[in-house]
Amino acid sequence: MDRRSFLLSLATTAVIGPARAQSAPPSLSVREAHEANKAGKLVLVDIRTPEEWADTGVPDGAIKLDMTGSAFEVRLAALKLDHPGKPIALICRTGNRTSTLQKTLTARGWKELVDVRGGLLGNPKDKGWLAEGLPVTSYQ
């Protein structure tokens, strides 16, 4: 492992903690993602649609980037360049789209993508952002 890869793995571990399993993609609970975003340790990206943002609001501090919009991946790459060394945490409504997107992008060579489990509304396994009482910003 070269020096840069080693340092990158240390930085990632500091944000997302030790890997759960070698094959498990990195993920955080909504509370962990909120705290890491607040501390400036990651970039939180809400990949939902404008209709969904209007319905529930946007997680406080999240960057809105509609995954169905044109040039989504190019815009995500630009965010990565704007925030070098910081993992990008993806959040959606329930965690389903972010998990799938994370796997797809990782297969294309993306690194440091983190799935925010539970999304805004939660799912049977994970509490969502709203259920945890985390702050949201209204979307106009």
Protein backbone atom coordinates (compact mmCIF):
# COMPACT_ATOMS: atom_id res chain seq x y z
CA MET A 1 0.00 0.00 0.00
CA ASP A 2 1.49 3.36 -0.99
CA ARG A 3 1.58 6.35 1.38
CA ARG A 4 -1.41 8.13 -0.18
CA SER A 5 -3.63 5.01 -0.02
CA PHE A 6 -2.59 4.42 3.58
CA LEU A 7 -3.43 8.01 4.61
CA LEU A 8 -6.73 7.86 2.73
CA SER A 9 -7.70 4.65 4.53
CA LEU A 10 -6.87 6.28 7.88
CA ALA A 11 -9.00 9.32 7.04
CA THR A 12 -11.91 7.14 5.94
CA THR A 13 -11.68 5.03 9.10
CA ALA A 14 -11.76 8.19 11.22
CA VAL A 15 -15.09 9.19 9.65
CA ILE A 16 -16.88 5.88 9.16
CA GLY A 17 -15.13 3.76 11.77
CA PRO A 18 -13.52 0.39 11.22
CA ALA A 19 -14.95 -1.68 8.40
CA ARG A 20 -17.70 -4.03 9.47
CA ALA A 21 -16.67 -6.63 6.96
CA GLN A 22 -14.21 -6.46 4.13
CA SER A 23 -16.98 -6.72 1.50
CA ALA A 24 -19.54 -4.49 3.23
CA PRO A 25 -19.78 -1.04 1.65
CA PRO A 26 -19.33 1.81 4.15
CA SER A 27 -22.49 3.14 5.76
CA LEU A 28 -23.54 5.40 8.60
CA SER A 29 -26.69 5.83 10.62
CA VAL A 30 -28.52 9.13 10.07
CA ARG A 31 -27.27 10.43 13.42
CA GLU A 32 -23.64 9.48 12.61
CA ALA A 33 -23.96 11.17 9.20
CA HIS A 34 -25.44 14.32 10.76
CA GLU A 35 -22.67 14.56 13.36
CA ALA A 36 -19.88 13.91 10.83
CA ASN A 37 -21.35 16.47 8.43
CA LYS A 38 -21.66 19.04 11.21
CA ALA A 39 -18.02 18.40 12.16
CA GLY A 40 -16.92 18.89 8.54
CA LYS A 41 -15.71 15.29 8.18
CA LEU A 42 -17.88 14.44 5.18
CA VAL A 43 -20.11 15.93 2.50
CA LEU A 44 -23.78 15.00 2.84
CA VAL A 45 -25.61 14.78 -0.51
CA ASP A 46 -29.40 14.40 -0.74
CA ILE A 47 -30.00 12.55 -4.01
CA ARG A 48 -33.82 12.74 -3.95
CA THR A 49 -36.02 14.72 -6.32
CA PRO A 50 -37.23 18.31 -5.84
CA GLU A 51 -40.73 16.95 -5.13
CA GLU A 52 -39.34 14.88 -2.27
CA TRP A 53 -37.34 17.81 -0.92
CA ALA A 54 -40.54 19.90 -0.93
CA ASP A 55 -42.43 17.09 0.84
CA THR A 56 -40.06 16.55 3.79
CA GLY A 57 -37.45 19.29 3.68
CA VAL A 58 -33.73 18.72 3.20
CA PRO A 59 -31.37 17.42 5.89
CA ASP A 60 -29.63 20.38 7.45
CA GLY A 61 -26.27 20.92 5.76
CA ALA A 62 -26.99 18.57 2.84
CA ILE A 63 -26.24 19.46 -0.75
CA LYS A 64 -29.21 18.81 -3.03
CA LEU A 65 -28.30 16.76 -6.12
CA ASP A 66 -31.23 15.07 -7.86
CA MET A 67 -29.94 11.69 -9.06
CA THR A 68 -32.47 11.74 -11.91
CA GLY A 69 -31.18 15.09 -13.17
CA SER A 70 -28.92 15.60 -16.14
CA ALA A 71 -25.21 15.03 -15.63
CA PHE A 72 -25.70 13.72 -12.08
CA GLU A 73 -22.43 11.81 -11.98
CA VAL A 74 -20.47 14.76 -13.42
CA ARG A 75 -21.95 17.07 -10.79
CA LEU A 76 -21.14 14.53 -8.06
CA ALA A 77 -17.54 14.39 -9.35
CA ALA A 78 -17.38 18.18 -9.16
CA LEU A 79 -18.46 18.01 -5.49
CA LYS A 80 -15.68 15.52 -4.85
CA LEU A 81 -13.16 17.92 -6.41
CA ASP A 82 -14.55 20.80 -4.34
CA HIS A 83 -14.13 18.77 -1.13
CA PRO A 84 -10.89 16.79 -1.55
CA GLY A 85 -10.26 14.08 1.00
CA LYS A 86 -13.81 14.07 2.33
CA PRO A 87 -16.09 11.07 1.87
CA ILE A 88 -19.44 11.75 0.21
CA ALA A 89 -22.41 10.44 2.19
CA LEU A 90 -25.51 9.78 0.10
CA ILE A 91 -29.00 10.08 1.59
CA CYS A 92 -32.39 9.36 0.01
CA ARG A 93 -35.90 8.64 1.26
CA THR A 94 -35.39 5.20 2.86
CA GLY A 95 -31.83 4.15 2.05
CA ASN A 96 -32.73 1.94 -0.90
CA ARG A 97 -31.59 4.23 -3.74
CA THR A 98 -28.40 5.28 -1.97
CA SER A 99 -27.39 1.68 -1.33
CA THR A 100 -27.95 0.77 -4.98
CA LEU A 101 -26.24 3.95 -6.24
CA GLN A 102 -23.27 3.38 -3.96
CA LYS A 103 -22.76 -0.13 -5.37
CA THR A 104 -23.14 1.07 -8.96
CA LEU A 105 -20.69 3.94 -8.59
CA THR A 106 -18.20 1.82 -6.64
CA ALA A 107 -18.22 -0.69 -9.51
CA ARG A 108 -17.29 2.24 -11.80
CA GLY A 109 -14.28 3.07 -9.63
CA TRP A 110 -15.70 5.61 -7.20
CA LYS A 111 -14.17 5.57 -3.73
CA GLU A 112 -15.22 7.06 -0.41
CA LEU A 113 -18.97 6.86 -0.99
CA VAL A 114 -20.96 6.27 2.16
CA ASP A 115 -24.57 5.10 2.34
CA VAL A 116 -26.71 6.83 4.98
CA ARG A 117 -28.89 3.99 6.29
CA GLY A 118 -32.56 4.74 6.78
CA GLY A 119 -32.66 7.93 4.71
CA LEU A 120 -35.23 10.58 5.61
CA LEU A 121 -38.18 8.33 6.38
CA GLY A 122 -36.51 5.18 7.68
CA ASN A 123 -37.05 1.53 6.86
CA PRO A 124 -37.74 -1.66 8.85
CA LYS A 125 -34.06 -1.92 9.87
CA ASP A 126 -33.03 1.70 10.37
CA LYS A 127 -34.55 4.85 11.86
CA GLY A 128 -34.75 7.74 9.46
CA TRP A 129 -33.58 11.33 9.77
CA LEU A 130 -37.06 12.59 10.67
CA ALA A 131 -37.71 9.85 13.27
CA GLU A 132 -34.40 10.76 14.93
CA GLY A 133 -35.57 14.38 15.15
CA LEU A 134 -32.62 15.67 13.17
CA PRO A 135 -32.86 19.17 11.68
CA VAL A 136 -34.19 19.84 8.19
CA THR A 137 -34.31 22.96 6.04
CA SER A 138 -37.46 23.70 4.08
CA TYR A 139 -37.26 23.55 0.30
CA GLN A 140 -39.01 26.25 -1.71
